[in-house]
Amino acid sequence: MKLLTALTTMTLLFPACTKTVTQIQEVDQAFSTIYTLNPGRWGSSDGGFSYSTSLNVPELDQSMLDNGAVVVYLSFDNGANYEAIPEVFDGISYGSLHSLGQITLDLHAVDGSKLNPPGAAILAKVVLIQGTALP
């Protein structure tokens, strides 16, 4: 009986202990912004067969280039709809090239003919997706 009393007393004195483990996980993030590409921004270096413009994107750092992703969308209707590029729209091929701190957008006619630069504002949505290098 003394043993039972001692065990009961110890159970009351030392309640069950729980171990709390806090685990910190790095969560990759996606960031976006919208640029307005006014008609005067587009330049041609080949007499009007293609046009390009560059966007200053300081967040496009070496880590993003090495491990992340860059996705560009264009809107021709003031943001009501966005289309991912590369794409062909109305016989014009749109593409993008990204490098440290900038994104260059280009366009040219799919049939190889000369074309006029965009005559209205185009919205460009840039999405940067941070990634983690695989082991």
Protein backbone atom coordinates (compact mmCIF):
# COMPACT_ATOMS: atom_id res chain seq x y z
CA MET A 1 0.00 0.00 0.00
CA LYS A 2 2.89 2.33 0.75
CA LEU A 3 4.18 1.74 -2.80
CA LEU A 4 0.81 2.62 -4.32
CA THR A 5 0.63 5.81 -2.24
CA ALA A 6 4.16 6.79 -3.27
CA LEU A 7 3.40 6.24 -6.98
CA THR A 8 0.17 8.23 -6.74
CA THR A 9 1.99 11.08 -4.99
CA MET A 10 4.74 11.14 -7.64
CA THR A 11 2.15 11.20 -10.43
CA LEU A 12 0.53 14.24 -8.87
CA LEU A 13 3.85 15.98 -8.24
CA PHE A 14 5.27 15.38 -11.72
CA PRO A 15 2.58 15.93 -14.31
CA ALA A 16 3.18 14.74 -17.84
CA CYS A 17 5.78 16.84 -19.62
CA THR A 18 5.47 17.70 -23.28
CA LYS A 19 8.29 18.68 -25.54
CA THR A 20 7.55 21.53 -27.90
CA VAL A 21 9.62 21.61 -31.07
CA THR A 22 9.65 24.75 -33.17
CA GLN A 23 10.66 24.16 -36.74
CA ILE A 24 11.48 27.10 -38.96
CA GLN A 25 10.91 26.56 -42.65
CA GLU A 26 12.01 28.90 -45.39
CA VAL A 27 9.12 29.58 -47.72
CA ASP A 28 9.92 30.65 -51.24
CA GLN A 29 8.11 33.76 -52.32
CA ALA A 30 6.70 35.25 -55.52
CA PHE A 31 6.70 38.99 -56.16
CA SER A 32 5.13 40.97 -58.98
CA THR A 33 4.88 44.48 -60.34
CA ILE A 34 3.32 46.13 -63.37
CA TYR A 35 5.15 48.43 -65.80
CA THR A 36 3.45 50.73 -68.30
CA LEU A 37 5.16 50.55 -71.69
CA ASN A 38 4.25 53.80 -73.42
CA PRO A 39 4.59 53.93 -77.23
CA GLY A 40 7.75 56.07 -77.13
CA ARG A 41 9.71 53.44 -75.14
CA TRP A 42 10.20 51.04 -78.06
CA GLY A 43 13.34 51.34 -80.18
CA SER A 44 14.59 49.54 -83.26
CA SER A 45 18.18 48.78 -84.19
CA ASP A 46 17.36 47.10 -87.53
CA GLY A 47 15.26 49.63 -89.41
CA GLY A 48 11.85 48.57 -88.08
CA PHE A 49 12.03 44.78 -88.41
CA SER A 50 12.02 44.42 -84.62
CA TYR A 51 11.54 46.64 -81.58
CA SER A 52 12.64 46.31 -77.97
CA THR A 53 12.50 48.04 -74.63
CA SER A 54 14.20 47.32 -71.32
CA LEU A 55 12.80 47.32 -67.80
CA ASN A 56 14.94 48.16 -64.79
CA VAL A 57 14.32 45.37 -62.26
CA PRO A 58 16.87 45.70 -59.43
CA GLU A 59 15.27 42.77 -57.56
CA LEU A 60 16.48 40.49 -60.36
CA ASP A 61 19.71 39.66 -58.56
CA GLN A 62 22.20 36.82 -58.96
CA SER A 63 20.25 34.55 -56.59
CA MET A 64 17.11 35.02 -58.69
CA LEU A 65 19.05 34.34 -61.89
CA ASP A 66 20.63 31.19 -60.43
CA ASN A 67 17.64 29.68 -58.63
CA GLY A 68 14.46 31.63 -59.32
CA ALA A 69 12.07 32.16 -62.19
CA VAL A 70 10.99 35.19 -64.17
CA VAL A 71 7.59 35.24 -65.85
CA VAL A 72 6.35 38.14 -67.97
CA TYR A 73 2.76 38.83 -69.02
CA LEU A 74 1.51 41.52 -71.40
CA SER A 75 -1.85 43.26 -71.40
CA PHE A 76 -3.13 45.05 -74.48
CA ASP A 77 -6.42 46.08 -72.83
CA ASN A 78 -5.28 48.08 -69.79
CA GLY A 79 -5.08 45.10 -67.46
CA ALA A 80 -8.39 43.40 -68.18
CA ASN A 81 -6.46 40.39 -69.54
CA TYR A 82 -2.82 39.32 -69.33
CA GLU A 83 -1.07 36.95 -71.73
CA ALA A 84 2.13 35.10 -70.86
CA ILE A 85 5.04 35.60 -73.23
CA PRO A 86 6.62 34.32 -75.39
CA GLU A 87 3.53 34.55 -77.55
CA VAL A 88 2.31 35.48 -81.00
CA PHE A 89 -0.52 38.02 -80.98
CA ASP A 90 -1.98 39.52 -84.17
CA GLY A 91 0.98 38.29 -86.25
CA ILE A 92 3.57 39.78 -83.89
CA SER A 93 5.90 37.62 -81.83
CA TYR A 94 6.60 38.92 -78.30
CA GLY A 95 9.47 37.65 -76.18
CA SER A 96 11.61 38.53 -73.20
CA LEU A 97 15.19 38.08 -72.08
CA HIS A 98 16.25 38.61 -68.49
CA SER A 99 19.67 39.36 -67.07
CA LEU A 100 21.09 40.86 -63.92
CA GLY A 101 18.85 43.82 -62.98
CA GLN A 102 16.85 44.04 -66.18
CA ILE A 103 14.34 42.47 -68.51
CA THR A 104 14.36 43.22 -72.23
CA LEU A 105 11.10 42.80 -74.14
CA ASP A 106 11.17 42.41 -77.90
CA LEU A 107 8.71 42.08 -80.75
CA HIS A 108 8.88 41.31 -84.45
CA ALA A 109 6.49 40.33 -87.24
CA VAL A 110 6.27 36.56 -87.70
CA ASP A 111 6.41 36.95 -91.47
CA GLY A 112 9.70 38.88 -91.26
CA SER A 113 8.27 42.14 -92.55
CA LYS A 114 8.79 45.61 -91.14
CA LEU A 115 6.30 46.77 -88.57
CA ASN A 116 5.38 49.87 -86.65
CA PRO A 117 6.17 50.10 -82.95
CA PRO A 118 3.23 49.78 -80.56
CA GLY A 119 0.95 52.80 -80.89
CA ALA A 120 -0.73 52.45 -77.49
CA ALA A 121 0.37 51.70 -73.95
CA ILE A 122 0.99 48.05 -73.10
CA LEU A 123 1.11 46.81 -69.52
CA ALA A 124 3.86 44.35 -68.59
CA LYS A 125 3.40 42.31 -65.43
CA VAL A 126 6.69 40.88 -64.17
CA VAL A 127 6.56 38.02 -61.67
CA LEU A 128 9.71 36.98 -59.83
CA ILE A 129 9.56 33.61 -58.12
CA GLN A 130 12.30 32.99 -55.57
CA GLY A 131 13.62 29.45 -55.56
CA THR A 132 16.01 27.34 -53.53
CA ALA A 133 18.85 25.47 -55.20
CA LEU A 134 18.45 21.72 -55.29
CA PRO A 135 21.01 19.83 -53.20
